Amino acid sequence: MFNSLGAPELLIILAIVVVLFGATRIGDIGKGIGRGIKEFRREIKDGQEEDTTKVESSTTPVPPSVSDETGPQTH
């Protein structure tokens, strides 16, 4: 579908976008997309670190708990 788009066609599309939105608006859009990608990557990294700590804590053996059966039972 897009295999027939060459350099001249892409330049025409770029010119139309600049006319419609203006150069400053396109810069703002680019900054917003960049911030979104940066935040997405940070959240992915935080999620991976959280998963790693969960795996490490779940593999740590837990000592048996002391029950209340240490003294004499009266019924």
N, C-alpha and C. Protein backbone atom coordinates (compact mmCIF):
# COMPACT_ATOMS: atom_id res chain seq x y z
N MET A 1 0.83 -1.19 0.00
CA MET A 1 0.00 0.00 0.00
C MET A 1 0.88 1.26 0.00
N PHE A 2 1.88 1.30 0.90
CA PHE A 2 2.73 2.48 0.97
C PHE A 2 4.05 2.27 0.23
N ASN A 3 4.17 1.19 -0.51
CA ASN A 3 5.40 0.92 -1.24
C ASN A 3 5.64 1.93 -2.35
N SER A 4 4.60 2.55 -2.86
CA SER A 4 4.76 3.48 -3.97
C SER A 4 5.08 4.90 -3.52
N LEU A 5 5.18 5.16 -2.20
CA LEU A 5 5.52 6.49 -1.71
C LEU A 5 7.02 6.70 -1.82
N GLY A 6 7.41 7.70 -2.55
CA GLY A 6 8.81 8.04 -2.69
C GLY A 6 9.12 9.33 -1.97
N ALA A 7 10.32 9.84 -2.18
CA ALA A 7 10.75 11.07 -1.52
C ALA A 7 9.89 12.27 -1.91
N PRO A 8 9.55 12.46 -3.18
CA PRO A 8 8.73 13.63 -3.51
C PRO A 8 7.35 13.60 -2.85
N GLU A 9 6.76 12.43 -2.79
CA GLU A 9 5.43 12.33 -2.17
C GLU A 9 5.51 12.61 -0.67
N LEU A 10 6.56 12.09 -0.02
CA LEU A 10 6.72 12.34 1.42
C LEU A 10 6.97 13.81 1.71
N LEU A 11 7.73 14.50 0.84
CA LEU A 11 7.96 15.93 1.02
C LEU A 11 6.67 16.72 0.86
N ILE A 12 5.83 16.33 -0.08
CA ILE A 12 4.53 17.00 -0.25
C ILE A 12 3.66 16.81 0.99
N ILE A 13 3.62 15.60 1.51
CA ILE A 13 2.84 15.32 2.73
C ILE A 13 3.38 16.13 3.89
N LEU A 14 4.71 16.20 4.04
CA LEU A 14 5.32 16.98 5.11
C LEU A 14 4.97 18.46 4.98
N ALA A 15 4.99 18.99 3.77
CA ALA A 15 4.64 20.40 3.55
C ALA A 15 3.19 20.66 3.92
N ILE A 16 2.30 19.76 3.58
CA ILE A 16 0.88 19.92 3.94
C ILE A 16 0.71 19.92 5.45
N VAL A 17 1.41 19.01 6.14
CA VAL A 17 1.32 18.94 7.60
C VAL A 17 1.83 20.23 8.23
N VAL A 18 2.92 20.77 7.73
CA VAL A 18 3.47 22.02 8.26
C VAL A 18 2.48 23.17 8.04
N VAL A 19 1.85 23.21 6.90
CA VAL A 19 0.88 24.28 6.63
C VAL A 19 -0.33 24.15 7.55
N LEU A 20 -0.79 22.92 7.75
CA LEU A 20 -1.98 22.72 8.57
C LEU A 20 -1.73 23.01 10.04
N PHE A 21 -0.63 22.53 10.58
CA PHE A 21 -0.40 22.63 12.03
C PHE A 21 0.56 23.74 12.42
N GLY A 22 1.42 24.15 11.55
CA GLY A 22 2.43 25.16 11.90
C GLY A 22 3.65 24.50 12.50
N ALA A 23 4.79 25.13 12.33
CA ALA A 23 6.06 24.54 12.77
C ALA A 23 6.13 24.41 14.29
N THR A 24 5.62 25.41 15.03
CA THR A 24 5.71 25.35 16.49
C THR A 24 4.81 24.24 17.05
N ARG A 25 3.65 24.07 16.46
CA ARG A 25 2.73 23.03 16.92
C ARG A 25 3.32 21.65 16.67
N ILE A 26 3.99 21.48 15.53
CA ILE A 26 4.62 20.19 15.23
C ILE A 26 5.73 19.92 16.24
N GLY A 27 6.48 20.94 16.63
CA GLY A 27 7.52 20.78 17.66
C GLY A 27 6.93 20.37 18.99
N ASP A 28 5.80 20.97 19.36
CA ASP A 28 5.12 20.60 20.60
C ASP A 28 4.63 19.15 20.56
N ILE A 29 4.11 18.76 19.41
CA ILE A 29 3.65 17.38 19.26
C ILE A 29 4.82 16.40 19.41
N GLY A 30 5.95 16.74 18.80
CA GLY A 30 7.15 15.90 18.91
C GLY A 30 7.65 15.79 20.34
N LYS A 31 7.64 16.92 21.06
CA LYS A 31 8.05 16.90 22.47
C LYS A 31 7.12 16.02 23.30
N GLY A 32 5.83 16.14 23.05
CA GLY A 32 4.86 15.33 23.79
C GLY A 32 5.04 13.84 23.53
N ILE A 33 5.28 13.50 22.27
CA ILE A 33 5.51 12.09 21.94
C ILE A 33 6.79 11.60 22.60
N GLY A 34 7.84 12.42 22.59
CA GLY A 34 9.11 12.04 23.23
C GLY A 34 8.95 11.83 24.72
N ARG A 35 8.21 12.71 25.38
CA ARG A 35 7.97 12.55 26.81
C ARG A 35 7.16 11.29 27.11
N GLY A 36 6.19 11.02 26.27
CA GLY A 36 5.38 9.81 26.46
C GLY A 36 6.20 8.55 26.32
N ILE A 37 7.09 8.52 25.32
CA ILE A 37 7.95 7.36 25.13
C ILE A 37 8.90 7.21 26.31
N LYS A 38 9.45 8.32 26.79
CA LYS A 38 10.37 8.28 27.93
C LYS A 38 9.67 7.74 29.17
N GLU A 39 8.45 8.22 29.44
CA GLU A 39 7.69 7.76 30.60
C GLU A 39 7.33 6.29 30.46
N PHE A 40 6.96 5.87 29.25
CA PHE A 40 6.62 4.47 29.01
C PHE A 40 7.82 3.57 29.30
N ARG A 41 9.00 3.95 28.82
CA ARG A 41 10.20 3.17 29.07
C ARG A 41 10.52 3.10 30.56
N ARG A 42 10.34 4.22 31.27
CA ARG A 42 10.61 4.25 32.71
C ARG A 42 9.66 3.32 33.46
N GLU A 43 8.40 3.33 33.08
CA GLU A 43 7.43 2.45 33.73
C GLU A 43 7.72 0.98 33.44
N ILE A 44 8.13 0.68 32.22
CA ILE A 44 8.50 -0.69 31.88
C ILE A 44 9.68 -1.13 32.74
N LYS A 45 10.68 -0.26 32.89
CA LYS A 45 11.86 -0.59 33.69
C LYS A 45 11.47 -0.79 35.15
N ASP A 46 10.62 0.09 35.69
CA ASP A 46 10.18 -0.04 37.08
C ASP A 46 9.39 -1.33 37.28
N GLY A 47 8.57 -1.69 36.32
CA GLY A 47 7.80 -2.93 36.41
C GLY A 47 8.70 -4.15 36.39
N GLN A 48 9.75 -4.12 35.57
CA GLN A 48 10.68 -5.24 35.52
C GLN A 48 11.45 -5.36 36.83
N GLU A 49 11.85 -4.24 37.41
CA GLU A 49 12.55 -4.27 38.69
C GLU A 49 11.64 -4.79 39.79
N GLU A 50 10.37 -4.40 39.76
CA GLU A 50 9.41 -4.86 40.76
C GLU A 50 9.20 -6.37 40.63
N ASP A 51 9.10 -6.86 39.39
CA ASP A 51 8.94 -8.30 39.17
C ASP A 51 10.16 -9.05 39.69
N THR A 52 11.36 -8.50 39.49
CA THR A 52 12.58 -9.14 39.95
C THR A 52 12.61 -9.24 41.46
N THR A 53 12.20 -8.17 42.15
CA THR A 53 12.20 -8.21 43.61
C THR A 53 11.15 -9.16 44.13
N LYS A 54 10.02 -9.29 43.44
CA LYS A 54 9.00 -10.25 43.86
C LYS A 54 9.51 -11.67 43.73
N VAL A 55 10.23 -11.96 42.65
CA VAL A 55 10.77 -13.31 42.44
C VAL A 55 11.82 -13.61 43.49
N GLU A 56 12.69 -12.64 43.78
CA GLU A 56 13.73 -12.86 44.78
C GLU A 56 13.13 -13.08 46.17
N SER A 57 12.11 -12.33 46.52
CA SER A 57 11.51 -12.48 47.85
C SER A 57 10.69 -13.76 47.95
N SER A 58 10.13 -14.24 46.85
CA SER A 58 9.34 -15.46 46.91
C SER A 58 10.23 -16.69 46.97
N THR A 59 11.49 -16.59 46.56
CA THR A 59 12.38 -17.74 46.62
C THR A 59 13.13 -17.81 47.94
N THR A 60 13.02 -16.78 48.79
CA THR A 60 13.67 -16.78 50.09
C THR A 60 12.87 -17.70 51.02
N PRO A 61 13.54 -18.69 51.64
CA PRO A 61 12.80 -19.58 52.53
C PRO A 61 12.28 -18.85 53.76
N VAL A 62 11.10 -19.17 54.16
CA VAL A 62 10.46 -18.55 55.31
C VAL A 62 10.57 -19.53 56.48
N PRO A 63 11.09 -19.08 57.64
CA PRO A 63 11.20 -19.99 58.78
C PRO A 63 9.81 -20.37 59.28
N PRO A 64 9.67 -21.57 59.83
CA PRO A 64 8.35 -21.97 60.34
C PRO A 64 7.94 -21.08 61.50
N SER A 65 6.67 -20.79 61.58
CA SER A 65 6.18 -19.92 62.64
C SER A 65 5.99 -20.72 63.92
N VAL A 66 6.12 -20.04 65.04
CA VAL A 66 5.93 -20.68 66.34
C VAL A 66 4.45 -20.64 66.64
N SER A 67 3.88 -21.80 66.95
CA SER A 67 2.45 -21.85 67.23
C SER A 67 2.20 -21.71 68.73
N ASP A 68 0.95 -21.63 69.11
CA ASP A 68 0.56 -21.47 70.51
C ASP A 68 0.54 -22.81 71.25
N GLU A 69 0.99 -23.87 70.68
CA GLU A 69 0.92 -25.19 71.29
C GLU A 69 2.13 -25.49 72.18
N THR A 70 2.78 -24.46 72.67
CA THR A 70 3.98 -24.67 73.48
C THR A 70 3.63 -25.01 74.92
N GLY A 71 2.52 -24.59 75.41
CA GLY A 71 2.15 -24.84 76.82
C GLY A 71 1.14 -25.96 76.92
N PRO A 72 0.80 -26.32 78.13
CA PRO A 72 -0.19 -27.39 78.33
C PRO A 72 -1.57 -26.95 77.88
N GLN A 73 -2.29 -27.87 77.34
CA GLN A 73 -3.63 -27.61 76.83
C GLN A 73 -4.66 -27.98 77.90
N THR A 74 -5.59 -27.10 78.18
CA THR A 74 -6.70 -27.42 79.09
C THR A 74 -7.98 -27.24 78.33
N HIS A 75 -8.78 -28.29 78.30
CA HIS A 75 -10.04 -28.21 77.58
C HIS A 75 -11.19 -28.21 78.51
